[in-house]
Amino acid sequence: SSLQVLDRRTGGWMSAPPIEDAFVMNIGDMFDVWTNGKYKSTPHRVVHTSSTYRVSIPFFYEPNADAEVRYLLGGDGDGRRVRYIDHLHSKVSTNFDHTGRYE
């Protein structure tokens, strides 16, 4: 399997083999804010070592850059609020080192 997910308990990567007639959906980091930490995104990566062809079709659905993202499930949660563009800049800046290399 090419898809690997991070095991938060051990810090190691584990394979996520495909399941027939299924698709994978990563909920993304905004769910952490929307659910006050109830749902966390799963760090993942693709390490394709097979000689066979692999197709991946990512689809990203994002709010407007200036949209305020906050707890959705009633009450104030922990009060976190973030402008989407600030969150996106933070994510992008931590995905690459200072040379632009992906880590």
N, C-alpha and C. Protein backbone atom coordinates (compact mmCIF):
# COMPACT_ATOMS: atom_id res chain seq x y z
N SER A 1 0.84 -1.18 0.00
CA SER A 1 0.00 0.00 0.00
C SER A 1 0.89 1.24 0.00
N SER A 2 0.51 2.23 -0.75
CA SER A 2 1.29 3.47 -0.83
C SER A 2 0.94 4.44 0.27
N LEU A 3 -0.33 4.43 0.72
CA LEU A 3 -0.77 5.37 1.74
C LEU A 3 -0.28 4.93 3.11
N GLN A 4 0.31 5.88 3.83
CA GLN A 4 0.74 5.63 5.20
C GLN A 4 0.15 6.71 6.10
N VAL A 5 -0.19 6.31 7.33
CA VAL A 5 -0.71 7.26 8.32
C VAL A 5 0.19 7.20 9.54
N LEU A 6 0.28 8.32 10.23
CA LEU A 6 1.12 8.40 11.41
C LEU A 6 0.38 7.84 12.62
N ASP A 7 1.01 6.90 13.31
CA ASP A 7 0.48 6.37 14.56
C ASP A 7 0.91 7.33 15.66
N ARG A 8 -0.03 8.08 16.20
CA ARG A 8 0.30 9.11 17.19
C ARG A 8 0.87 8.52 18.48
N ARG A 9 0.53 7.28 18.78
CA ARG A 9 1.05 6.67 20.01
C ARG A 9 2.53 6.33 19.90
N THR A 10 2.96 5.82 18.74
CA THR A 10 4.35 5.38 18.60
C THR A 10 5.21 6.38 17.83
N GLY A 11 4.57 7.27 17.06
CA GLY A 11 5.32 8.19 16.23
C GLY A 11 5.80 7.56 14.94
N GLY A 12 5.41 6.30 14.69
CA GLY A 12 5.83 5.60 13.47
C GLY A 12 4.75 5.63 12.40
N TRP A 13 5.18 5.39 11.18
CA TRP A 13 4.26 5.35 10.05
C TRP A 13 3.75 3.93 9.87
N MET A 14 2.47 3.79 9.56
CA MET A 14 1.90 2.48 9.30
C MET A 14 1.12 2.51 7.99
N SER A 15 1.12 1.38 7.30
CA SER A 15 0.42 1.27 6.02
C SER A 15 -1.08 1.31 6.23
N ALA A 16 -1.75 1.90 5.27
CA ALA A 16 -3.21 1.92 5.25
C ALA A 16 -3.64 1.26 3.94
N PRO A 17 -3.71 -0.08 3.95
CA PRO A 17 -4.00 -0.79 2.70
C PRO A 17 -5.38 -0.42 2.15
N PRO A 18 -5.51 -0.42 0.82
CA PRO A 18 -6.80 -0.07 0.22
C PRO A 18 -7.88 -1.10 0.58
N ILE A 19 -9.09 -0.61 0.68
CA ILE A 19 -10.26 -1.45 0.91
C ILE A 19 -11.10 -1.40 -0.35
N GLU A 20 -11.45 -2.55 -0.88
CA GLU A 20 -12.20 -2.61 -2.13
C GLU A 20 -13.50 -1.81 -2.03
N ASP A 21 -13.81 -1.08 -3.11
CA ASP A 21 -15.02 -0.27 -3.21
C ASP A 21 -15.13 0.81 -2.13
N ALA A 22 -14.00 1.31 -1.68
CA ALA A 22 -14.00 2.36 -0.65
C ALA A 22 -13.11 3.51 -1.10
N PHE A 23 -13.27 4.65 -0.48
CA PHE A 23 -12.36 5.77 -0.72
C PHE A 23 -11.94 6.34 0.63
N VAL A 24 -10.83 7.06 0.62
CA VAL A 24 -10.27 7.63 1.84
C VAL A 24 -10.61 9.12 1.86
N MET A 25 -11.03 9.59 3.02
CA MET A 25 -11.31 11.01 3.18
C MET A 25 -10.58 11.50 4.42
N ASN A 26 -9.67 12.43 4.23
CA ASN A 26 -8.99 13.07 5.35
C ASN A 26 -9.82 14.28 5.74
N ILE A 27 -10.25 14.34 6.99
CA ILE A 27 -11.16 15.40 7.40
C ILE A 27 -10.51 16.77 7.47
N GLY A 28 -9.21 16.84 7.59
CA GLY A 28 -8.53 18.13 7.59
C GLY A 28 -8.49 18.81 8.94
N ASP A 29 -7.62 19.79 9.05
CA ASP A 29 -7.36 20.47 10.32
C ASP A 29 -8.51 21.36 10.79
N MET A 30 -9.34 21.84 9.88
CA MET A 30 -10.43 22.71 10.30
C MET A 30 -11.43 21.97 11.18
N PHE A 31 -11.55 20.64 11.02
CA PHE A 31 -12.46 19.88 11.88
C PHE A 31 -12.02 19.96 13.34
N ASP A 32 -10.73 20.10 13.57
CA ASP A 32 -10.24 20.25 14.95
C ASP A 32 -10.83 21.50 15.59
N VAL A 33 -10.85 22.59 14.85
CA VAL A 33 -11.42 23.84 15.36
C VAL A 33 -12.95 23.71 15.43
N TRP A 34 -13.56 23.22 14.36
CA TRP A 34 -15.03 23.13 14.33
C TRP A 34 -15.59 22.24 15.43
N THR A 35 -14.85 21.21 15.83
CA THR A 35 -15.36 20.25 16.82
C THR A 35 -14.70 20.42 18.18
N ASN A 36 -13.97 21.52 18.38
CA ASN A 36 -13.30 21.79 19.65
C ASN A 36 -12.36 20.65 20.04
N GLY A 37 -11.66 20.11 19.06
CA GLY A 37 -10.66 19.08 19.32
C GLY A 37 -11.18 17.65 19.34
N LYS A 38 -12.47 17.46 19.12
CA LYS A 38 -13.02 16.09 19.14
C LYS A 38 -12.48 15.26 17.97
N TYR A 39 -12.36 15.87 16.80
CA TYR A 39 -11.82 15.18 15.62
C TYR A 39 -10.53 15.85 15.20
N LYS A 40 -9.49 15.07 15.01
CA LYS A 40 -8.19 15.57 14.59
C LYS A 40 -7.86 14.99 13.21
N SER A 41 -7.19 15.79 12.39
CA SER A 41 -6.76 15.26 11.10
C SER A 41 -5.62 14.27 11.33
N THR A 42 -5.46 13.36 10.42
CA THR A 42 -4.43 12.33 10.53
C THR A 42 -3.26 12.69 9.62
N PRO A 43 -2.08 12.92 10.19
CA PRO A 43 -0.91 13.12 9.31
C PRO A 43 -0.74 11.88 8.42
N HIS A 44 -0.52 12.12 7.14
CA HIS A 44 -0.42 11.01 6.20
C HIS A 44 0.58 11.36 5.10
N ARG A 45 1.00 10.33 4.41
CA ARG A 45 1.92 10.51 3.29
C ARG A 45 1.73 9.36 2.32
N VAL A 46 2.27 9.53 1.13
CA VAL A 46 2.24 8.48 0.12
C VAL A 46 3.68 8.11 -0.21
N VAL A 47 3.99 6.84 -0.07
CA VAL A 47 5.30 6.31 -0.43
C VAL A 47 5.04 5.20 -1.45
N HIS A 48 5.08 5.57 -2.71
CA HIS A 48 4.74 4.62 -3.78
C HIS A 48 6.01 3.93 -4.27
N THR A 49 6.13 2.65 -4.00
CA THR A 49 7.33 1.91 -4.39
C THR A 49 7.04 0.84 -5.44
N SER A 50 5.79 0.67 -5.80
CA SER A 50 5.41 -0.34 -6.78
C SER A 50 5.75 0.12 -8.19
N SER A 51 5.91 -0.83 -9.08
CA SER A 51 6.14 -0.48 -10.48
C SER A 51 4.82 -0.25 -11.22
N THR A 52 3.70 -0.50 -10.55
CA THR A 52 2.40 -0.29 -11.18
C THR A 52 2.00 1.18 -11.06
N TYR A 53 1.11 1.57 -11.94
CA TYR A 53 0.62 2.94 -12.00
C TYR A 53 -0.32 3.20 -10.83
N ARG A 54 -0.23 4.38 -10.24
CA ARG A 54 -1.09 4.75 -9.13
C ARG A 54 -1.77 6.07 -9.44
N VAL A 55 -3.06 6.15 -9.16
CA VAL A 55 -3.82 7.38 -9.40
C VAL A 55 -4.32 7.91 -8.06
N SER A 56 -4.08 9.19 -7.82
CA SER A 56 -4.59 9.86 -6.64
C SER A 56 -5.27 11.13 -7.10
N ILE A 57 -6.48 11.36 -6.65
CA ILE A 57 -7.22 12.54 -7.08
C ILE A 57 -7.62 13.34 -5.84
N PRO A 58 -6.72 14.21 -5.35
CA PRO A 58 -7.09 15.01 -4.18
C PRO A 58 -8.09 16.09 -4.55
N PHE A 59 -8.98 16.36 -3.64
CA PHE A 59 -9.97 17.42 -3.82
C PHE A 59 -10.00 18.23 -2.53
N PHE A 60 -9.82 19.52 -2.64
CA PHE A 60 -9.80 20.39 -1.47
C PHE A 60 -10.98 21.35 -1.56
N TYR A 61 -11.75 21.39 -0.50
CA TYR A 61 -12.86 22.33 -0.41
C TYR A 61 -12.54 23.28 0.73
N GLU A 62 -12.35 24.54 0.39
CA GLU A 62 -11.87 25.49 1.38
C GLU A 62 -12.79 26.71 1.45
N PRO A 63 -12.86 27.32 2.63
CA PRO A 63 -13.67 28.55 2.76
C PRO A 63 -12.95 29.74 2.13
N ASN A 64 -13.63 30.88 2.10
CA ASN A 64 -12.99 32.12 1.65
C ASN A 64 -11.80 32.42 2.55
N ALA A 65 -10.81 33.09 2.00
CA ALA A 65 -9.58 33.38 2.75
C ALA A 65 -9.86 34.14 4.04
N ASP A 66 -10.82 35.05 4.03
CA ASP A 66 -11.08 35.85 5.22
C ASP A 66 -12.16 35.26 6.14
N ALA A 67 -12.61 34.05 5.85
CA ALA A 67 -13.65 33.42 6.68
C ALA A 67 -13.12 33.13 8.08
N GLU A 68 -13.95 33.41 9.08
CA GLU A 68 -13.59 33.10 10.46
C GLU A 68 -14.06 31.68 10.75
N VAL A 69 -13.14 30.84 11.22
CA VAL A 69 -13.47 29.46 11.55
C VAL A 69 -13.51 29.35 13.06
N ARG A 70 -14.61 28.78 13.59
CA ARG A 70 -14.77 28.65 15.04
C ARG A 70 -15.60 27.41 15.34
N TYR A 71 -15.71 27.10 16.61
CA TYR A 71 -16.44 25.96 17.11
C TYR A 71 -17.89 25.99 16.62
N LEU A 72 -18.38 24.86 16.06
CA LEU A 72 -19.71 24.82 15.47
C LEU A 72 -20.78 24.13 16.29
N LEU A 73 -20.42 23.38 17.31
CA LEU A 73 -21.37 22.47 17.95
C LEU A 73 -22.09 23.05 19.15
N GLY A 74 -22.35 24.34 19.15
CA GLY A 74 -23.06 24.97 20.26
C GLY A 74 -22.09 25.46 21.32
N GLY A 75 -22.42 26.53 21.97
CA GLY A 75 -21.52 27.09 22.97
C GLY A 75 -20.30 27.71 22.30
N ASP A 76 -19.31 28.02 23.10
CA ASP A 76 -18.10 28.66 22.58
C ASP A 76 -16.93 27.71 22.45
N GLY A 77 -17.08 26.45 22.88
CA GLY A 77 -15.93 25.56 22.87
C GLY A 77 -14.83 26.18 23.70
N ASP A 78 -13.61 26.14 23.20
CA ASP A 78 -12.51 26.74 23.96
C ASP A 78 -12.23 28.17 23.49
N GLY A 79 -13.12 28.71 22.66
CA GLY A 79 -12.99 30.10 22.23
C GLY A 79 -12.06 30.31 21.05
N ARG A 80 -11.45 29.24 20.52
CA ARG A 80 -10.54 29.41 19.38
C ARG A 80 -11.30 29.93 18.17
N ARG A 81 -10.70 30.88 17.52
CA ARG A 81 -11.20 31.41 16.26
C ARG A 81 -9.98 31.68 15.40
N VAL A 82 -10.10 31.43 14.12
CA VAL A 82 -8.97 31.68 13.24
C VAL A 82 -9.50 32.09 11.87
N ARG A 83 -8.83 33.08 11.27
CA ARG A 83 -9.14 33.40 9.88
C ARG A 83 -8.53 32.29 9.03
N TYR A 84 -9.25 31.81 8.05
CA TYR A 84 -8.77 30.68 7.27
C TYR A 84 -7.41 30.96 6.63
N ILE A 85 -7.20 32.14 6.10
CA ILE A 85 -5.93 32.46 5.44
C ILE A 85 -4.77 32.38 6.42
N ASP A 86 -4.99 32.76 7.68
CA ASP A 86 -3.93 32.67 8.68
C ASP A 86 -3.59 31.21 8.97
N HIS A 87 -4.63 30.39 9.06
CA HIS A 87 -4.41 28.96 9.26
C HIS A 87 -3.63 28.36 8.08
N LEU A 88 -4.05 28.70 6.86
CA LEU A 88 -3.39 28.16 5.67
C LEU A 88 -1.92 28.57 5.62
N HIS A 89 -1.62 29.83 5.88
CA HIS A 89 -0.22 30.28 5.90
C HIS A 89 0.58 29.52 6.94
N SER A 90 0.00 29.29 8.10
CA SER A 90 0.68 28.55 9.15
C SER A 90 0.99 27.12 8.71
N LYS A 91 0.01 26.46 8.08
CA LYS A 91 0.21 25.08 7.61
C LYS A 91 1.31 25.02 6.54
N VAL A 92 1.23 25.91 5.57
CA VAL A 92 2.20 25.89 4.47
C VAL A 92 3.60 26.18 4.99
N SER A 93 3.72 27.13 5.92
CA SER A 93 5.04 27.49 6.41
C SER A 93 5.68 26.38 7.24
N THR A 94 4.88 25.48 7.80
CA THR A 94 5.46 24.37 8.58
C THR A 94 5.65 23.10 7.76
N ASN A 95 5.14 23.07 6.52
CA ASN A 95 5.32 21.90 5.66
C ASN A 95 6.64 21.91 4.91
N PHE A 96 7.29 23.04 4.87
CA PHE A 96 8.53 23.18 4.12
C PHE A 96 9.60 23.78 5.02
N ASP A 97 10.84 23.35 4.83
CA ASP A 97 11.92 23.98 5.58
C ASP A 97 12.32 25.28 4.87
N HIS A 98 13.31 25.98 5.38
CA HIS A 98 13.66 27.29 4.83
C HIS A 98 14.18 27.22 3.39
N THR A 99 14.58 26.04 2.90
CA THR A 99 15.08 25.90 1.54
C THR A 99 13.95 25.59 0.56
N GLY A 100 12.70 25.39 1.10
CA GLY A 100 11.57 25.05 0.24
C GLY A 100 11.41 23.55 0.07
N ARG A 101 12.25 22.77 0.74
CA ARG A 101 12.14 21.30 0.65
C ARG A 101 11.01 20.81 1.54
N TYR A 102 10.19 19.91 1.00
CA TYR A 102 9.08 19.34 1.76
C TYR A 102 9.63 18.37 2.80
N GLU A 103 9.10 18.45 4.01
CA GLU A 103 9.55 17.54 5.06
C GLU A 103 8.48 16.52 5.39
